[in-house]
PDB file of N, CA and C in Angstrom:
ATOM      1  N   ALA A   1     131.133  19.974  53.173  1.00  0.00           N
ATOM      2  CA  ALA A   1     130.155  20.858  53.604  1.00  0.00           C
ATOM      3  C   ALA A   1     129.756  22.125  53.624  1.00  0.00           C
ATOM      4  N   LEU A   2     128.500  22.609  53.609  1.00  0.00           N
ATOM      5  CA  LEU A   2     128.755  24.383  54.032  1.00  0.00           C
ATOM      6  C   LEU A   2     128.980  24.408  54.539  1.00  0.00           C
ATOM      7  N   TRP A   3     128.628  24.366  55.967  1.00  0.00           N
ATOM      8  CA  TRP A   3     128.627  24.255  57.099  1.00  0.00           C
ATOM      9  C   TRP A   3     129.929  24.579  57.538  1.00  0.00           C
ATOM     10  N   ARG A   4     131.133  23.854  57.346  1.00  0.00           N
ATOM     11  CA  ARG A   4     132.568  23.202  57.497  1.00  0.00           C
ATOM     12  C   ARG A   4     133.457  24.826  56.911  1.00  0.00           C
ATOM     13  N   ARG A   5     132.851  24.797  55.775  1.00  0.00           N
ATOM     14  CA  ARG A   5     133.185  26.621  55.370  1.00  0.00           C
ATOM     15  C   ARG A   5     132.599  27.448  56.074  1.00  0.00           C
ATOM     16  N   MET A   6     131.871  27.917  56.892  1.00  0.00           N
ATOM     17  CA  MET A   6     131.296  28.957  57.468  1.00  0.00           C
ATOM     18  C   MET A   6     131.925  29.234  59.410  1.00  0.00           C
ATOM     19  N   PRO A   7     132.243  30.439  59.360  1.00  0.00           N
ATOM     20  CA  PRO A   7     132.608  30.555  60.838  1.00  0.00           C
ATOM     21  C   PRO A   7     131.705  30.139  61.703  1.00  0.00           C
ATOM     22  N   LEU A   8     132.047  29.829  62.974  1.00  0.00           N
ATOM     23  CA  LEU A   8     131.141  29.413  63.675  1.00  0.00           C
ATOM     24  C   LEU A   8     130.077  30.409  64.605  1.00  0.00           C
ATOM     25  N   LEU A   9     131.034  31.790  64.439  1.00  0.00           N
ATOM     26  CA  LEU A   9     130.598  33.102  65.744  1.00  0.00           C
ATOM     27  C   LEU A   9     130.864  34.301  64.371  1.00  0.00           C
ATOM     28  N   THR A  10     130.202  34.762  64.128  1.00  0.00           N
ATOM     29  CA  THR A  10     130.571  36.242  63.328  1.00  0.00           C
ATOM     30  C   THR A  10     130.385  37.333  64.336  1.00  0.00           C
ATOM     31  N   LEU A  11     131.376  37.999  64.508  1.00  0.00           N
ATOM     32  CA  LEU A  11     130.711  38.664  65.772  1.00  0.00           C
ATOM     33  C   LEU A  11     130.644  40.274  64.805  1.00  0.00           C
ATOM     34  N   SER A  12     131.555  39.964  63.631  1.00  0.00           N
ATOM     35  CA  SER A  12     131.447  41.838  62.856  1.00  0.00           C
ATOM     36  C   SER A  12     129.957  41.966  61.363  1.00  0.00           C
ATOM     37  N   VAL A  13     128.780  42.219  61.863  1.00  0.00           N
ATOM     38  CA  VAL A  13     128.118  42.159  61.157  1.00  0.00           C
ATOM     39  C   VAL A  13     128.141  43.779  59.789  1.00  0.00           C
ATOM     40  N   ARG A  14     127.483  43.245  59.044  1.00  0.00           N
ATOM     41  CA  ARG A  14     127.257  44.423  58.055  1.00  0.00           C
ATOM     42  C   ARG A  14     125.788  45.240  58.875  1.00  0.00           C
ATOM     43  N   ARG A  15     126.213  46.827  59.432  1.00  0.00           N
ATOM     44  CA  ARG A  15     125.438  47.151  60.633  1.00  0.00           C
ATOM     45  C   ARG A  15     123.859  48.184  59.693  1.00  0.00           C
ATOM     46  N   VAL A  16     123.325  48.192  59.176  1.00  0.00           N
ATOM     47  CA  VAL A  16     122.044  49.444  58.915  1.00  0.00           C
ATOM     48  C   VAL A  16     121.523  50.362  59.789  1.00  0.00           C
ATOM     49  N   MET A  17     121.446  49.648  60.988  1.00  0.00           N
ATOM     50  CA  MET A  17     120.779  50.692  61.876  1.00  0.00           C
ATOM     51  C   MET A  17     122.220  50.437  62.968  1.00  0.00           C
ATOM     52  N   PRO A  18     122.202  52.105  63.897  1.00  0.00           N
ATOM     53  CA  PRO A  18     123.374  52.167  64.528  1.00  0.00           C
ATOM     54  C   PRO A  18     123.428  51.358  66.295  1.00  0.00           C
ATOM     55  N   SER A  19     124.196  50.248  66.209  1.00  0.00           N
ATOM     56  CA  SER A  19     124.057  49.561  67.169  1.00  0.00           C
ATOM     57  C   SER A  19     125.039  49.970  68.805  1.00  0.00           C
ATOM     58  N   LEU A  20     124.244  49.490  69.716  1.00  0.00           N
ATOM     59  CA  LEU A  20     124.014  49.872  70.774  1.00  0.00           C
ATOM     60  C   LEU A  20     125.064  49.137  71.529  1.00  0.00           C
ATOM     61  N   VAL A  21     125.638  47.700  71.016  1.00  0.00           N
ATOM     62  CA  VAL A  21     126.205  47.150  71.559  1.00  0.00           C
ATOM     63  C   VAL A  21     127.306  46.849  70.369  1.00  0.00           C
ATOM     64  N   THR A  22     128.703  46.627  70.853  1.00  0.00           N
ATOM     65  CA  THR A  22     129.553  46.691  70.137  1.00  0.00           C
ATOM     66  C   THR A  22     130.254  45.587  69.625  1.00  0.00           C
ATOM     67  N   ASP A  23     130.986  45.123  69.006  1.00  0.00           N
ATOM     68  CA  ASP A  23     132.063  43.788  69.163  1.00  0.00           C
ATOM     69  C   ASP A  23     132.723  43.094  70.435  1.00  0.00           C
ATOM     70  N   ASP A  24     133.250  44.243  70.782  1.00  0.00           N
ATOM     71  CA  ASP A  24     134.039  44.882  72.149  1.00  0.00           C
ATOM     72  C   ASP A  24     133.359  44.130  72.971  1.00  0.00           C
ATOM     73  N   MET A  25     132.750  44.711  73.010  1.00  0.00           N
ATOM     74  CA  MET A  25     131.433  44.106  74.117  1.00  0.00           C
ATOM     75  C   MET A  25     130.883  43.151  74.025  1.00  0.00           C
ATOM     76  N   VAL A  26     130.507  42.010  72.975  1.00  0.00           N
ATOM     77  CA  VAL A  26     130.301  41.153  72.736  1.00  0.00           C
ATOM     78  C   VAL A  26     131.293  40.357  73.085  1.00  0.00           C
ATOM     79  N   GLN A  27     132.784  40.109  72.703  1.00  0.00           N
ATOM     80  CA  GLN A  27     133.587  39.847  73.542  1.00  0.00           C
ATOM     81  C   GLN A  27     134.143  39.885  74.825  1.00  0.00           C
ATOM     82  N   ALA A  28     133.575  40.963  75.151  1.00  0.00           N
ATOM     83  CA  ALA A  28     133.664  40.598  76.597  1.00  0.00           C
ATOM     84  C   ALA A  28     133.074  40.301  77.600  1.00  0.00           C
ATOM     85  N   ALA A  29     131.579  40.267  76.893  1.00  0.00           N
ATOM     86  CA  ALA A  29     130.624  39.317  77.498  1.00  0.00           C
ATOM     87  C   ALA A  29     130.812  37.433  77.302  1.00  0.00           C
ATOM     88  N   LEU A  30     131.642  37.472  75.663  1.00  0.00           N
ATOM     89  CA  LEU A  30     131.303  36.202  75.897  1.00  0.00           C
ATOM     90  C   LEU A  30     132.730  35.846  76.756  1.00  0.00           C
ATOM     91  N   ASP A  31     133.557  36.359  76.861  1.00  0.00           N
ATOM     92  CA  ASP A  31     135.125  35.954  77.796  1.00  0.00           C
ATOM     93  C   ASP A  31     134.918  36.236  79.068  1.00  0.00           C
ATOM     94  N   ALA A  32     133.827  36.268  79.403  1.00  0.00           N
ATOM     95  CA  ALA A  32     133.000  36.409  81.204  1.00  0.00           C
ATOM     96  C   ALA A  32     132.311  35.173  80.976  1.00  0.00           C
ATOM     97  N   LEU A  33     131.571  34.752  80.139  1.00  0.00           N
ATOM     98  CA  LEU A  33     131.057  33.457  79.804  1.00  0.00           C
ATOM     99  C   LEU A  33     131.598  32.187  79.796  1.00  0.00           C
ATOM    100  N   SER A  34     133.248  31.862  80.043  1.00  0.00           N
ATOM    101  CA  SER A  34     134.086  31.505  79.297  1.00  0.00           C
ATOM    102  C   SER A  34     134.305  30.467  80.709  1.00  0.00           C
ATOM    103  N   ILE A  35     134.856  28.955  79.947  1.00  0.00           N
ATOM    104  CA  ILE A  35     135.237  28.352  81.216  1.00  0.00           C
ATOM    105  C   ILE A  35     136.093  28.634  82.136  1.00  0.00           C
ATOM    106  N   GLU A  36     136.793  29.512  82.062  1.00  0.00           N
ATOM    107  CA  GLU A  36     137.531  29.910  83.121  1.00  0.00           C
ATOM    108  C   GLU A  36     137.024  30.477  84.237  1.00  0.00           C
ATOM    109  N   SER A  37     136.069  31.699  83.573  1.00  0.00           N
ATOM    110  CA  SER A  37     135.170  32.508  84.292  1.00  0.00           C
ATOM    111  C   SER A  37     134.376  31.443  84.822  1.00  0.00           C
ATOM    112  N   ALA A  38     133.953  30.932  84.803  1.00  0.00           N
ATOM    113  CA  ALA A  38     133.126  29.810  85.615  1.00  0.00           C
ATOM    114  C   ALA A  38     133.709  29.081  86.541  1.00  0.00           C
ATOM    115  N   ALA A  39     135.175  28.631  85.970  1.00  0.00           N
ATOM    116  CA  ALA A  39     136.166  27.981  87.174  1.00  0.00           C
ATOM    117  C   ALA A  39     136.382  28.981  88.411  1.00  0.00           C
ATOM    118  N   ARG A  40     136.919  30.078  88.047  1.00  0.00           N
ATOM    119  CA  ARG A  40     136.484  31.144  89.363  1.00  0.00           C
ATOM    120  C   ARG A  40     135.302  31.509  89.822  1.00  0.00           C
ATOM    121  N   ALA A  41     134.511  31.462  89.447  1.00  0.00           N
ATOM    122  CA  ALA A  41     132.556  31.538  89.744  1.00  0.00           C
ATOM    123  C   ALA A  41     132.562  30.794  90.648  1.00  0.00           C
ATOM    124  N   GLY A  42     132.908  29.145  90.421  1.00  0.00           N
ATOM    125  CA  GLY A  42     133.252  28.224  91.308  1.00  0.00           C
ATOM    126  C   GLY A  42     133.763  27.667  92.510  1.00  0.00           C
ATOM    127  N   LYS A  43     135.001  29.020  92.028  1.00  0.00           N
ATOM    128  CA  LYS A  43     135.853  28.657  93.321  1.00  0.00           C
ATOM    129  C   LYS A  43     135.392  30.124  94.190  1.00  0.00           C
ATOM    130  N   ALA A  44     134.903  30.881  94.110  1.00  0.00           N
ATOM    131  CA  ALA A  44     133.809  31.696  95.047  1.00  0.00           C
ATOM    132  C   ALA A  44     133.148  31.200  95.551  1.00  0.00           C
ATOM    133  N   LYS A  45     132.160  30.679  94.672  1.00  0.00           N
ATOM    134  CA  LYS A  45     131.058  29.803  95.499  1.00  0.00           C
ATOM    135  C   LYS A  45     131.556  28.861  96.489  1.00  0.00           C
ATOM    136  N   ALA A  46     132.260  28.084  96.596  1.00  0.00           N
ATOM    137  CA  ALA A  46     133.092  27.128  97.111  1.00  0.00           C
ATOM    138  C   ALA A  46     133.854  27.723  98.393  1.00  0.00           C
ATOM    139  N   ASP A  47     134.100  28.733  98.148  1.00  0.00           N
ATOM    140  CA  ASP A  47     134.935  29.699  98.735  1.00  0.00           C
ATOM    141  C   ASP A  47     133.746  30.332 100.300  1.00  0.00           C
ATOM    142  N   GLU A  48     132.506  30.949  99.680  1.00  0.00           N
ATOM    143  CA  GLU A  48     131.560  31.367 100.128  1.00  0.00           C
ATOM    144  C   GLU A  48     130.941  30.492 101.048  1.00  0.00           C
ATOM    145  N   VAL A  49     130.966  29.049 101.052  1.00  0.00           N
ATOM    146  CA  VAL A  49     130.227  27.639 101.674  1.00  0.00           C
ATOM    147  C   VAL A  49     131.106  27.457 102.584  1.00  0.00           C
ATOM    148  N   ARG A  50     132.674  27.593 102.606  1.00  0.00           N
ATOM    149  CA  ARG A  50     133.518  27.600 103.643  1.00  0.00           C
ATOM    150  C   ARG A  50     133.375  28.415 104.419  1.00  0.00           C
ATOM    151  N   ALA A  51     133.499  29.592 103.704  1.00  0.00           N
ATOM    152  CA  ALA A  51     133.647  31.013 104.892  1.00  0.00           C
ATOM    153  C   ALA A  51     132.091  30.667 105.757  1.00  0.00           C
ATOM    154  N   SER A  52     130.982  30.634 105.309  1.00  0.00           N
ATOM    155  CA  SER A  52     129.474  30.399 105.964  1.00  0.00           C
ATOM    156  C   SER A  52     129.968  29.180 107.120  1.00  0.00           C
ATOM    157  N   GLU A  53     130.370  28.413 106.641  1.00  0.00           N
ATOM    158  CA  GLU A  53     130.544  27.211 107.616  1.00  0.00           C
ATOM    159  C   GLU A  53     131.180  27.260 108.666  1.00  0.00           C
ATOM    160  N   ALA A  54     132.688  28.149 108.514  1.00  0.00           N
ATOM    161  CA  ALA A  54     133.580  28.776 108.747  1.00  0.00           C
ATOM    162  C   ALA A  54     132.566  29.500 110.398  1.00  0.00           C
ATOM    163  N   VAL A  55     132.002  30.306 110.155  1.00  0.00           N
ATOM    164  CA  VAL A  55     131.227  31.290 110.926  1.00  0.00           C
ATOM    165  C   VAL A  55     130.509  30.081 111.809  1.00  0.00           C
ATOM    166  N   LYS A  56     129.675  29.177 111.255  1.00  0.00           N
ATOM    167  CA  LYS A  56     128.721  28.796 112.397  1.00  0.00           C
ATOM    168  C   LYS A  56     129.507  27.499 113.388  1.00  0.00           C
ATOM    169  N   THR A  57     130.977  27.239 112.933  1.00  0.00           N
ATOM    170  CA  THR A  57     131.619  26.545 113.616  1.00  0.00           C
ATOM    171  C   THR A  57     132.217  27.158 114.966  1.00  0.00           C
ATOM    172  N   THR A  58     132.907  28.036 114.626  1.00  0.00           N
ATOM    173  CA  THR A  58     133.052  29.539 115.367  1.00  0.00           C
ATOM    174  C   THR A  58     132.162  30.023 116.243  1.00  0.00           C
ATOM    175  N   PHE A  59     131.023  30.074 116.011  1.00  0.00           N
ATOM    176  CA  PHE A  59     129.988  30.887 116.968  1.00  0.00           C
ATOM    177  C   PHE A  59     129.432  29.052 118.037  1.00  0.00           C
ATOM    178  N   ALA A  60     129.388  28.688 117.360  1.00  0.00           N
ATOM    179  CA  ALA A  60     129.640  27.312 118.265  1.00  0.00           C
ATOM    180  C   ALA A  60     130.521  26.808 119.386  1.00  0.00           C
ATOM    181  N   LYS A  61     131.782  26.922 118.622  1.00  0.00           N
ATOM    182  CA  LYS A  61     132.701  26.871 119.915  1.00  0.00           C
ATOM    183  C   LYS A  61     132.819  27.687 120.676  1.00  0.00           C
ATOM    184  N   LEU A  62     132.633  29.048 120.139  1.00  0.00           N
ATOM    185  CA  LEU A  62     132.915  30.227 121.070  1.00  0.00           C
ATOM    186  C   LEU A  62     132.086  30.074 122.455  1.00  0.00           C
ATOM    187  N   ARG A  63     130.458  30.205 121.880  1.00  0.00           N
ATOM    188  CA  ARG A  63     129.559  29.704 122.981  1.00  0.00           C
ATOM    189  C   ARG A  63     129.501  29.004 123.336  1.00  0.00           C
ATOM    190  N   HIS A  64     129.982  27.970 123.324  1.00  0.00           N
ATOM    191  CA  HIS A  64     130.267  26.227 123.972  1.00  0.00           C
ATOM    192  C   HIS A  64     131.193  26.579 125.491  1.00  0.00           C
ATOM    193  N   SER A  65     132.267  27.605 125.123  1.00  0.00           N
ATOM    194  CA  SER A  65     133.237  27.753 125.791  1.00  0.00           C
ATOM    195  C   SER A  65     133.228  28.752 127.229  1.00  0.00           C
ATOM    196  N   SER A  66     131.670  29.469 126.848  1.00  0.00           N
ATOM    197  CA  SER A  66     131.334  30.694 127.273  1.00  0.00           C
ATOM    198  C   SER A  66     131.006  30.256 129.008  1.00  0.00           C
ATOM    199  N   LYS A  67     131.094  31.174 129.245  1.00  0.00           N
ATOM    200  CA  LYS A  67     131.068  31.420 130.917  1.00  0.00           C
ATOM    201  C   LYS A  67     129.269  31.683 131.250  1.00  0.00           C
ATOM    202  N   GLY A  68     128.848  32.019 130.249  1.00  0.00           N
ATOM    203  CA  GLY A  68     127.618  32.947 130.768  1.00  0.00           C
ATOM    204  C   GLY A  68     126.698  31.911 131.345  1.00  0.00           C
ATOM    205  N   ASN A  69     125.297  32.365 132.031  1.00  0.00           N
ATOM    206  CA  ASN A  69     124.500  31.516 132.688  1.00  0.00           C
ATOM    207  C   ASN A  69     123.269  31.133 131.782  1.00  0.00           C
ATOM    208  N   THR A  70     122.663  32.150 130.798  1.00  0.00           N
ATOM    209  CA  THR A  70     122.197  31.928 130.203  1.00  0.00           C
ATOM    210  C   THR A  70     122.345  31.720 128.623  1.00  0.00           C
ATOM    211  N   VAL A  71     121.417  31.093 127.484  1.00  0.00           N
ATOM    212  CA  VAL A  71     122.348  30.902 126.597  1.00  0.00           C
ATOM    213  C   VAL A  71     122.250  32.352 125.679  1.00  0.00           C
ATOM    214  N   ALA A  72     121.182  33.197 125.732  1.00  0.00           N
ATOM    215  CA  ALA A  72     121.040  34.489 125.084  1.00  0.00           C
ATOM    216  C   ALA A  72     122.895  35.518 125.441  1.00  0.00           C
ATOM    217  N   GLU A  73     123.373  35.322 126.735  1.00  0.00           N
ATOM    218  CA  GLU A  73     124.316  35.399 127.481  1.00  0.00           C
ATOM    219  C   GLU A  73     125.835  34.950 126.839  1.00  0.00           C
ATOM    220  N   ARG A  74     125.798  33.750 126.508  1.00  0.00           N
ATOM    221  CA  ARG A  74     126.920  32.978 125.730  1.00  0.00           C
ATOM    222  C   ARG A  74     126.711  33.449 124.516  1.00  0.00           C
ATOM    223  N   GLU A  75     125.126  33.500 123.601  1.00  0.00           N
ATOM    224  CA  GLU A  75     125.635  33.833 122.275  1.00  0.00           C
ATOM    225  C   GLU A  75     126.003  35.542 122.565  1.00  0.00           C
ATOM    226  N   ASP A  76     125.853  36.374 123.088  1.00  0.00           N
ATOM    227  CA  ASP A  76     126.320  37.740 123.011  1.00  0.00           C
ATOM    228  C   ASP A  76     128.089  37.391 123.193  1.00  0.00           C
ATOM    229  N   TRP A  77     128.434  36.891 124.357  1.00  0.00           N
ATOM    230  CA  TRP A  77     129.488  36.144 124.360  1.00  0.00           C
ATOM    231  C   TRP A  77     130.145  36.007 123.123  1.00  0.00           C
ATOM    232  N   ALA A  78     130.369  34.991 122.636  1.00  0.00           N
ATOM    233  CA  ALA A  78     130.554  34.695 121.314  1.00  0.00           C
ATOM    234  C   ALA A  78     130.875  35.737 119.972  1.00  0.00           C
ATOM    235  N   ARG A  79     129.459  36.467 119.942  1.00  0.00           N
ATOM    236  CA  ARG A  79     129.779  37.119 118.811  1.00  0.00           C
ATOM    237  C   ARG A  79     130.245  38.360 119.311  1.00  0.00           C
ATOM    238  N   GLN A  80     131.128  38.597 120.313  1.00  0.00           N
ATOM    239  CA  GLN A  80     131.655  39.971 120.609  1.00  0.00           C
ATOM    240  C   GLN A  80     133.049  38.976 120.749  1.00  0.00           C
ATOM    241  N   GLN A  81     133.723  38.326 120.051  1.00  0.00           N
ATOM    242  CA  GLN A  81     135.069  37.616 120.471  1.00  0.00           C
ATOM    243  C   GLN A  81     135.471  38.070 119.413  1.00  0.00           C
ATOM    244  N   PRO A  82     136.925  38.465 119.343  1.00  0.00           N
ATOM    245  CA  PRO A  82     137.541  39.083 117.684  1.00  0.00           C
ATOM    246  C   PRO A  82     137.438  37.591 117.012  1.00  0.00           C
ATOM    247  N   GLU A  83     137.544  36.135 117.316  1.00  0.00           N
ATOM    248  CA  GLU A  83     137.648  35.289 116.154  1.00  0.00           C
ATOM    249  C   GLU A  83     136.480  34.890 115.485  1.00  0.00           C
ATOM    250  N   TYR A  84     135.256  35.221 116.094  1.00  0.00           N
ATOM    251  CA  TYR A  84     134.168  35.404 115.367  1.00  0.00           C
ATOM    252  C   TYR A  84     133.979  36.355 114.700  1.00  0.00           C
ATOM    253  N   GLN A  85     134.541  37.554 115.399  1.00  0.00           N
ATOM    254  CA  GLN A  85     134.453  38.988 114.071  1.00  0.00           C
ATOM    255  C   GLN A  85     135.198  38.286 113.048  1.00  0.00           C
ATOM    256  N   GLU A  86     136.573  38.033 112.556  1.00  0.00           N
ATOM    257  CA  GLU A  86     137.533  37.545 111.692  1.00  0.00           C
ATOM    258  C   GLU A  86     136.580  36.691 111.016  1.00  0.00           C
ATOM    259  N   ALA A  87     135.727  35.615 111.638  1.00  0.00           N
ATOM    260  CA  ALA A  87     135.397  34.320 110.846  1.00  0.00           C
ATOM    261  C   ALA A  87     134.128  35.138 109.945  1.00  0.00           C
ATOM    262  N   VAL A  88     132.836  35.978 110.735  1.00  0.00           N
ATOM    263  CA  VAL A  88     132.222  36.640 109.825  1.00  0.00           C
ATOM    264  C   VAL A  88     132.829  37.806 108.592  1.00  0.00           C
ATOM    265  N   GLU A  89     134.002  38.621 108.757  1.00  0.00           N
ATOM    266  CA  GLU A  89     134.248  39.291 107.844  1.00  0.00           C
ATOM    267  C   GLU A  89     134.756  38.570 106.974  1.00  0.00           C
ATOM    268  N   ALA A  90     135.485  37.099 106.981  1.00  0.00           N
ATOM    269  CA  ALA A  90     135.928  36.351 105.826  1.00  0.00           C
ATOM    270  C   ALA A  90     134.562  36.052 105.309  1.00  0.00           C
ATOM    271  N   TYR A  91     134.041  35.331 105.862  1.00  0.00           N
ATOM    272  CA  TYR A  91     132.433  35.095 104.960  1.00  0.00           C
ATOM    273  C   TYR A  91     131.881  36.317 104.037  1.00  0.00           C
ATOM    274  N   ALA A  92     132.310  37.687 104.601  1.00  0.00           N
ATOM    275  CA  ALA A  92     131.673  39.200 104.038  1.00  0.00           C
ATOM    276  C   ALA A  92     132.707  39.298 102.788  1.00  0.00           C
ATOM    277  N   ASP A  93     133.393  39.146 102.841  1.00  0.00           N
ATOM    278  CA  ASP A  93     134.439  38.642 101.772  1.00  0.00           C
ATOM    279  C   ASP A  93     134.434  37.804 100.482  1.00  0.00           C
ATOM    280  N   ALA A  94     133.677  36.754 100.597  1.00  0.00           N
ATOM    281  CA  ALA A  94     133.821  35.518 100.530  1.00  0.00           C
ATOM    282  C   ALA A  94     132.620  35.489  99.710  1.00  0.00           C
ATOM    283  N   ALA A  95     131.458  35.765 100.571  1.00  0.00           N
ATOM    284  CA  ALA A  95     130.603  36.490  99.581  1.00  0.00           C
ATOM    285  C   ALA A  95     130.241  37.334  98.828  1.00  0.00           C
ATOM    286  N   GLY A  96     131.361  38.728  98.773  1.00  0.00           N
ATOM    287  CA  GLY A  96     131.363  39.471  97.786  1.00  0.00           C
ATOM    288  C   GLY A  96     132.031  39.111  96.587  1.00  0.00           C
ATOM    289  N   ARG A  97     133.134  38.401  96.797  1.00  0.00           N
ATOM    290  CA  ARG A  97     133.685  37.994  95.406  1.00  0.00           C
ATOM    291  C   ARG A  97     132.354  36.896  94.840  1.00  0.00           C
ATOM    292  N   LEU A  98     131.410  36.266  95.868  1.00  0.00           N
ATOM    293  CA  LEU A  98     130.711  35.499  94.632  1.00  0.00           C
ATOM    294  C   LEU A  98     129.660  36.392  93.790  1.00  0.00           C
ATOM    295  N   GLU A  99     129.258  37.362  94.644  1.00  0.00           N
ATOM    296  CA  GLU A  99     127.950  38.337  94.162  1.00  0.00           C
ATOM    297  C   GLU A  99     128.519  38.981  92.609  1.00  0.00           C
ATOM    298  N   TYR A 100     129.991  39.365  92.922  1.00  0.00           N
ATOM    299  CA  TYR A 100     130.706  39.430  92.240  1.00  0.00           C
ATOM    300  C   TYR A 100     130.688  39.260  90.260  1.00  0.00           C
ATOM    301  N   TYR A 101     130.646  38.255  90.708  1.00  0.00           N
ATOM    302  CA  TYR A 101     130.746  36.825  89.532  1.00  0.00           C
ATOM    303  C   TYR A 101     129.610  36.933  88.918  1.00  0.00           C
ATOM    304  N   ARG A 102     128.441  36.862  89.640  1.00  0.00           N
ATOM    305  CA  ARG A 102     127.394  36.676  89.658  1.00  0.00           C
ATOM    306  C   ARG A 102     127.054  37.885  88.971  1.00  0.00           C
ATOM    307  N   ASP A 103     127.211  38.877  89.283  1.00  0.00           N
ATOM    308  CA  ASP A 103     126.939  40.317  88.782  1.00  0.00           C
ATOM    309  C   ASP A 103     127.278  39.762  87.424  1.00  0.00           C
ATOM    310  N   ARG A 104     128.547  39.532  87.548  1.00  0.00           N
ATOM    311  CA  ARG A 104     129.494  39.714  85.770  1.00  0.00           C
ATOM    312  C   ARG A 104     128.719  38.764  85.055  1.00  0.00           C
ATOM    313  N   LYS A 105     128.454  37.341  85.298  1.00  0.00           N
ATOM    314  CA  LYS A 105     127.637  37.068  84.334  1.00  0.00           C
ATOM    315  C   LYS A 105     125.709  37.435  83.662  1.00  0.00           C
ATOM    316  N   THR A 106     125.492  37.834  84.524  1.00  0.00           N
ATOM    317  CA  THR A 106     123.764  39.241  84.509  1.00  0.00           C
ATOM    318  C   THR A 106     124.420  39.916  83.840  1.00  0.00           C
ATOM    319  N   LYS A 107     125.594  40.741  83.767  1.00  0.00           N
ATOM    320  CA  LYS A 107     125.758  41.821  82.860  1.00  0.00           C
ATOM    321  C   LYS A 107     126.347  41.214  81.451  1.00  0.00           C
ATOM    322  N   ALA A 108     126.750  39.763  81.472  1.00  0.00           N
ATOM    323  CA  ALA A 108     127.235  39.627  80.256  1.00  0.00           C
ATOM    324  C   ALA A 108     125.869  39.026  79.423  1.00  0.00           C
ATOM    325  N   GLU A 109     125.096  38.300  80.412  1.00  0.00           N
ATOM    326  CA  GLU A 109     123.730  37.615  79.113  1.00  0.00           C
ATOM    327  C   GLU A 109     122.798  38.660  78.862  1.00  0.00           C
ATOM    328  N   ALA A 110     122.857  40.141  79.926  1.00  0.00           N
ATOM    329  CA  ALA A 110     122.213  40.842  79.157  1.00  0.00           C
ATOM    330  C   ALA A 110     122.797  41.510  77.754  1.00  0.00           C
ATOM    331  N   ILE A 111     123.894  42.072  77.924  1.00  0.00           N
ATOM    332  CA  ILE A 111     124.791  41.618  77.002  1.00  0.00           C
ATOM    333  C   ILE A 111     124.667  41.344  75.575  1.00  0.00           C
ATOM    334  N   LEU A 112     124.765  39.987  75.775  1.00  0.00           N
ATOM    335  CA  LEU A 112     124.761  39.307  74.961  1.00  0.00           C
ATOM    336  C   LEU A 112     123.254  39.030  73.843  1.00  0.00           C
ATOM    337  N   SER A 113     121.963  39.335  75.036  1.00  0.00           N
ATOM    338  CA  SER A 113     120.770  39.466  74.554  1.00  0.00           C
ATOM    339  C   SER A 113     120.376  40.573  73.827  1.00  0.00           C
ATOM    340  N   ALA A 114     120.870  41.620  74.071  1.00  0.00           N
ATOM    341  CA  ALA A 114     120.769  43.055  73.179  1.00  0.00           C
ATOM    342  C   ALA A 114     121.287  42.499  71.997  1.00  0.00           C
ATOM    343  N   TRP A 115     122.834  42.461  72.074  1.00  0.00           N
ATOM    344  CA  TRP A 115     123.240  41.660  70.655  1.00  0.00           C
ATOM    345  C   TRP A 115     122.515  40.870  69.633  1.00  0.00           C
ATOM    346  N   GLN A 116     121.877  39.860  70.539  1.00  0.00           N
ATOM    347  CA  GLN A 116     121.097  38.819  69.480  1.00  0.00           C
ATOM    348  C   GLN A 116     119.564  40.115  68.935  1.00  0.00           C
ATOM    349  N   THR A 117     119.402  40.268  69.644  1.00  0.00           N
ATOM    350  CA  THR A 117     118.127  41.469  69.606  1.00  0.00           C
ATOM    351  C   THR A 117     118.068  42.565  68.184  1.00  0.00           C
ATOM    352  N   GLU A 118     119.394  43.026  68.637  1.00  0.00           N
ATOM    353  CA  GLU A 118     119.757  43.640  67.175  1.00  0.00           C
ATOM    354  C   GLU A 118     120.199  42.963  66.209  1.00  0.00           C
ATOM    355  N   CYS A 119     120.509  41.664  66.368  1.00  0.00           N
ATOM    356  CA  CYS A 119     121.290  41.330  64.843  1.00  0.00           C
ATOM    357  C   CYS A 119     119.490  40.670  64.513  1.00  0.00           C
ATOM    358  N   SER A 120     118.386  39.826  65.537  1.00  0.00           N
ATOM    359  CA  SER A 120     117.192  40.207  64.659  1.00  0.00           C
ATOM    360  C   SER A 120     116.360  40.809  64.113  1.00  0.00           C
ATOM    361  N   ASN A 121     116.792  42.097  65.053  1.00  0.00           N
ATOM    362  CA  ASN A 121     116.272  43.366  63.700  1.00  0.00           C
ATOM    363  C   ASN A 121     116.440  43.893  63.147  1.00  0.00           C
ATOM    364  N   GLU A 122     117.974  43.501  62.905  1.00  0.00           N
ATOM    365  CA  GLU A 122     118.621  43.841  61.520  1.00  0.00           C
ATOM    366  C   GLU A 122     118.330  42.754  60.273  1.00  0.00           C
ATOM    367  N   ARG A 123     118.451  41.542  60.693  1.00  0.00           N
ATOM    368  CA  ARG A 123     118.148  40.950  59.923  1.00  0.00           C
ATOM    369  C   ARG A 123     116.431  41.419  58.940  1.00  0.00           C
ATOM    370  N   ALA A 124     115.834  41.245  59.849  1.00  0.00           N
ATOM    371  CA  ALA A 124     114.244  41.803  59.959  1.00  0.00           C
ATOM    372  C   ALA A 124     114.226  42.974  58.948  1.00  0.00           C
ATOM    373  N   SER A 125     114.723  43.881  59.400  1.00  0.00           N
ATOM    374  CA  SER A 125     114.868  45.009  58.433  1.00  0.00           C
ATOM    375  C   SER A 125     115.189  44.981  57.013  1.00  0.00           C
ATOM    376  N   ARG A 126     116.226  44.182  57.074  1.00  0.00           N
ATOM    377  CA  ARG A 126     116.683  43.977  55.450  1.00  0.00           C
ATOM    378  C   ARG A 126     115.948  43.016  54.915  1.00  0.00           C
ATOM    379  N   ARG A 127     115.177  42.389  55.452  1.00  0.00           N
ATOM    380  CA  ARG A 127     114.071  41.705  54.250  1.00  0.00           C
ATOM    381  C   ARG A 127     113.130  42.652  53.936  1.00  0.00           C
ATOM    382  N   MET A 128     112.114  43.450  54.896  1.00  0.00           N
ATOM    383  CA  MET A 128     111.397  44.719  54.478  1.00  0.00           C
ATOM    384  C   MET A 128     112.158  45.360  53.467  1.00  0.00           C
ATOM    385  N   THR A 129     113.225  45.363  53.128  1.00  0.00           N
ATOM    386  CA  THR A 129     114.140  46.365  52.085  1.00  0.00           C
ATOM    387  C   THR A 129     114.031  45.605  50.803  1.00  0.00           C
TER     388      THR A 129
END
């Protein structure tokens, strides 16, 4: 069959117009969307969920152990404890890692979209000549 002799993805095409998206950029975008990258992003999401729950649990334990008379006093005391501050910092780190992977995916999708548009425009210009 003809499709067996054709490559599945051809990154190098004869360019009629100057390209904004290079083949290296396309390959980097495909790498960013790979299974391995998705697995790292999934781990970052899991870490973020665990860290979020750890903040809530730490806050609840500290609030419960507080000697304050009112809810506001107990909550203020809990938020001032080093254990709570560490949990919040761990959550912030996890959320930062997750955002890195989200941003990387968004950038890769934008590059691939621009590349697809360039390829489409190039095909259209070849049909016109």
